[in-house]
C-alpha atoms as a PDB file:
ATOM      1  CA  MET A   1      53.213  90.112 243.837  1.00  0.00           C
ATOM      2  CA  ALA A   2      53.296  86.997 240.911  1.00  0.00           C
ATOM      3  CA  LEU A   3      50.450  88.797 238.812  1.00  0.00           C
ATOM      4  CA  ARG A   4      52.166  92.381 239.054  1.00  0.00           C
ATOM      5  CA  ASN A   5      55.489  90.942 238.221  1.00  0.00           C
ATOM      6  CA  ALA A   6      54.014  88.879 235.223  1.00  0.00           C
ATOM      7  CA  PHE A   7      52.307  92.302 233.983  1.00  0.00           C
ATOM      8  CA  ARG A   8      55.350  94.201 234.244  1.00  0.00           C
ATOM      9  CA  VAL A   9      56.790  91.691 232.182  1.00  0.00           C
ATOM     10  CA  GLY A  10      54.059  91.755 229.290  1.00  0.00           C
ATOM     11  CA  ALA A  11      54.072  95.635 229.526  1.00  0.00           C
ATOM     12  CA  SER A  12      57.898  96.044 229.400  1.00  0.00           C
ATOM     13  CA  SER A  13      57.804  97.973 226.524  1.00  0.00           C
ATOM     14  CA  LEU A  14      55.592 100.818 228.301  1.00  0.00           C
ATOM     15  CA  LYS A  15      57.354 103.814 229.876  1.00  0.00           C
ATOM     16  CA  ARG A  16      57.069 103.646 233.540  1.00  0.00           C
ATOM     17  CA  ALA A  17      55.705 106.385 235.610  1.00  0.00           C
ATOM     18  CA  PRO A  18      56.138 106.838 239.361  1.00  0.00           C
ATOM     19  CA  GLU A  19      54.160 104.999 241.970  1.00  0.00           C
ATOM     20  CA  PHE A  20      50.711 106.466 243.003  1.00  0.00           C
ATOM     21  CA  SER A  21      49.248 105.681 246.398  1.00  0.00           C
ATOM     22  CA  LEU A  22      49.428 102.141 247.084  1.00  0.00           C
ATOM     23  CA  PHE A  23      49.827 101.263 243.337  1.00  0.00           C
ATOM     24  CA  ASP A  24      53.586 100.262 242.391  1.00  0.00           C
ATOM     25  CA  THR A  25      52.921  99.930 238.765  1.00  0.00           C
ATOM     26  CA  CYS A  26      52.887 102.740 236.665  1.00  0.00           C
ATOM     27  CA  PHE A  27      53.046 103.882 233.383  1.00  0.00           C
ATOM     28  CA  ASP A  28      53.343 107.389 231.363  1.00  0.00           C
ATOM     29  CA  LEU A  29      50.816 106.733 228.498  1.00  0.00           C
ATOM     30  CA  SER A  30      50.573 110.375 227.232  1.00  0.00           C
ATOM     31  CA  GLY A  31      50.126 111.108 223.827  1.00  0.00           C
ATOM     32  CA  LYS A  32      48.827 107.576 223.384  1.00  0.00           C
ATOM     33  CA  THR A  33      45.613 106.634 221.668  1.00  0.00           C
ATOM     34  CA  GLU A  34      46.394 103.230 221.809  1.00  0.00           C
ATOM     35  CA  VAL A  35      48.610 101.005 223.917  1.00  0.00           C
ATOM     36  CA  LYS A  36      49.150  96.818 223.920  1.00  0.00           C
ATOM     37  CA  VAL A  37      48.961  95.641 227.471  1.00  0.00           C
ATOM     38  CA  PRO A  38      48.650  91.718 228.588  1.00  0.00           C
ATOM     39  CA  THR A  39      45.262  90.356 229.151  1.00  0.00           C
ATOM     40  CA  VAL A  40      44.068  89.700 232.843  1.00  0.00           C
ATOM     41  CA  VAL A  41      41.884  86.807 233.268  1.00  0.00           C
ATOM     42  CA  LEU A  42      40.852  85.992 236.941  1.00  0.00           C
ATOM     43  CA  HIS A  43      40.293  82.010 237.564  1.00  0.00           C
ATOM     44  CA  PHE A  44      37.765  80.580 239.928  1.00  0.00           C
ATOM     45  CA  ARG A  45      36.582  77.034 240.420  1.00  0.00           C
ATOM     46  CA  GLY A  46      35.217  76.596 237.149  1.00  0.00           C
ATOM     47  CA  ALA A  47      34.521  80.287 236.463  1.00  0.00           C
ATOM     48  CA  ASP A  48      37.164  82.465 234.274  1.00  0.00           C
ATOM     49  CA  ILE A  49      36.607  86.137 234.136  1.00  0.00           C
ATOM     50  CA  SER A  50      38.517  88.034 231.368  1.00  0.00           C
ATOM     51  CA  LEU A  51      39.171  91.571 232.371  1.00  0.00           C
ATOM     52  CA  PRO A  52      38.690  94.513 230.143  1.00  0.00           C
ATOM     53  CA  ALA A  53      41.733  97.088 230.394  1.00  0.00           C
ATOM     54  CA  SER A  54      39.960  99.540 231.711  1.00  0.00           C
ATOM     55  CA  ASN A  55      39.377  97.311 235.155  1.00  0.00           C
ATOM     56  CA  TYR A  56      42.856  97.001 235.581  1.00  0.00           C
ATOM     57  CA  LEU A  57      44.807 100.074 234.122  1.00  0.00           C
ATOM     58  CA  ILE A  58      43.373 102.750 235.542  1.00  0.00           C
ATOM     59  CA  PRO A  59      43.939 106.653 235.009  1.00  0.00           C
ATOM     60  CA  VAL A  60      45.410 108.337 238.379  1.00  0.00           C
ATOM     61  CA  ASP A  61      45.992 112.072 237.237  1.00  0.00           C
ATOM     62  CA  SER A  62      45.107 114.390 233.957  1.00  0.00           C
ATOM     63  CA  SER A  63      48.412 114.018 232.552  1.00  0.00           C
ATOM     64  CA  GLY A  64      47.935 110.647 231.200  1.00  0.00           C
ATOM     65  CA  SER A  65      49.509 108.538 234.168  1.00  0.00           C
ATOM     66  CA  PHE A  66      47.762 105.099 234.453  1.00  0.00           C
ATOM     67  CA  CYS A  67      48.473 102.196 237.323  1.00  0.00           C
ATOM     68  CA  PHE A  68      47.920  98.632 237.562  1.00  0.00           C
ATOM     69  CA  ALA A  69      44.967  98.403 239.726  1.00  0.00           C
ATOM     70  CA  PHE A  70      46.030  95.411 241.852  1.00  0.00           C
ATOM     71  CA  ALA A  71      47.933  95.960 245.048  1.00  0.00           C
ATOM     72  CA  GLY A  72      49.649  93.394 247.035  1.00  0.00           C
ATOM     73  CA  THR A  73      48.967  92.604 250.820  1.00  0.00           C
ATOM     74  CA  MET A  74      50.961  90.977 253.481  1.00  0.00           C
ATOM     75  CA  SER A  75      48.208  88.923 254.900  1.00  0.00           C
ATOM     76  CA  GLY A  76      47.513  86.436 251.784  1.00  0.00           C
ATOM     77  CA  LEU A  77      44.008  87.851 251.641  1.00  0.00           C
ATOM     78  CA  SER A  78      42.746  88.844 248.207  1.00  0.00           C
ATOM     79  CA  ILE A  79      40.087  91.509 247.471  1.00  0.00           C
ATOM     80  CA  ILE A  80      38.385  92.011 244.186  1.00  0.00           C
ATOM     81  CA  GLY A  81      37.567  95.315 244.216  1.00  0.00           C
ATOM     82  CA  ASN A  82      34.867  97.519 242.652  1.00  0.00           C
ATOM     83  CA  ILE A  83      37.317  98.721 239.799  1.00  0.00           C
ATOM     84  CA  GLN A  84      37.665  94.824 238.500  1.00  0.00           C
ATOM     85  CA  GLN A  85      33.889  94.415 238.770  1.00  0.00           C
ATOM     86  CA  GLN A  86      33.018  97.256 237.071  1.00  0.00           C
ATOM     87  CA  GLY A  87      30.872  96.057 233.936  1.00  0.00           C
ATOM     88  CA  PHE A  88      29.800  92.489 235.194  1.00  0.00           C
ATOM     89  CA  ARG A  89      27.091  91.325 237.425  1.00  0.00           C
ATOM     90  CA  VAL A  90      28.289  88.785 240.142  1.00  0.00           C
ATOM     91  CA  VAL A  91      25.907  86.295 241.261  1.00  0.00           C
ATOM     92  CA  TYR A  92      26.701  84.483 244.634  1.00  0.00           C
ATOM     93  CA  ASP A  93      25.160  80.729 244.785  1.00  0.00           C
ATOM     94  CA  LEU A  94      25.782  80.481 248.892  1.00  0.00           C
ATOM     95  CA  ALA A  95      23.947  77.218 248.525  1.00  0.00           C
ATOM     96  CA  ALA A  96      26.128  75.502 246.232  1.00  0.00           C
ATOM     97  CA  SER A  97      29.125  77.333 247.480  1.00  0.00           C
ATOM     98  CA  ARG A  98      29.767  79.003 243.590  1.00  0.00           C
ATOM     99  CA  VAL A  99      30.275  82.432 242.497  1.00  0.00           C
ATOM    100  CA  GLY A 100      29.511  83.398 238.677  1.00  0.00           C
ATOM    101  CA  PHE A 101      30.022  86.419 236.511  1.00  0.00           C
ATOM    102  CA  THR A 102      28.383  87.900 233.628  1.00  0.00           C
ATOM    103  CA  PRO A 103      28.895  90.938 231.466  1.00  0.00           C
ATOM    104  CA  ARG A 104      26.227  93.839 232.370  1.00  0.00           C
ATOM    105  CA  GLY A 105      23.584  94.105 229.966  1.00  0.00           C
ATOM    106  CA  CYS A 106      20.731  91.542 228.769  1.00  0.00           C
ATOM    107  CA  ALA A 107      20.432  90.569 224.995  1.00  0.00           C
END
């Protein structure tokens, strides 16, 4: 809820749209070619991942509605979904109890 509420404050200049499925923070971006939205960074112990807007503000219909792609839970359990992971390689080091992220692609 804190993430959603902070995002809503940062995106307060955008026109809101009705909720869609389990997403309760949606915007009407019809007719817009560019918008400014708050940055979302996930912080882990020693690893931060800055998400591109397309990984957290997703289209939900063909008429310009986009929703903040995070949903709250009552259990306190957090899941990083496939939308947030798109474009990243995720490396799990089970022996050292670490996780790492890198943008897809090699230089």
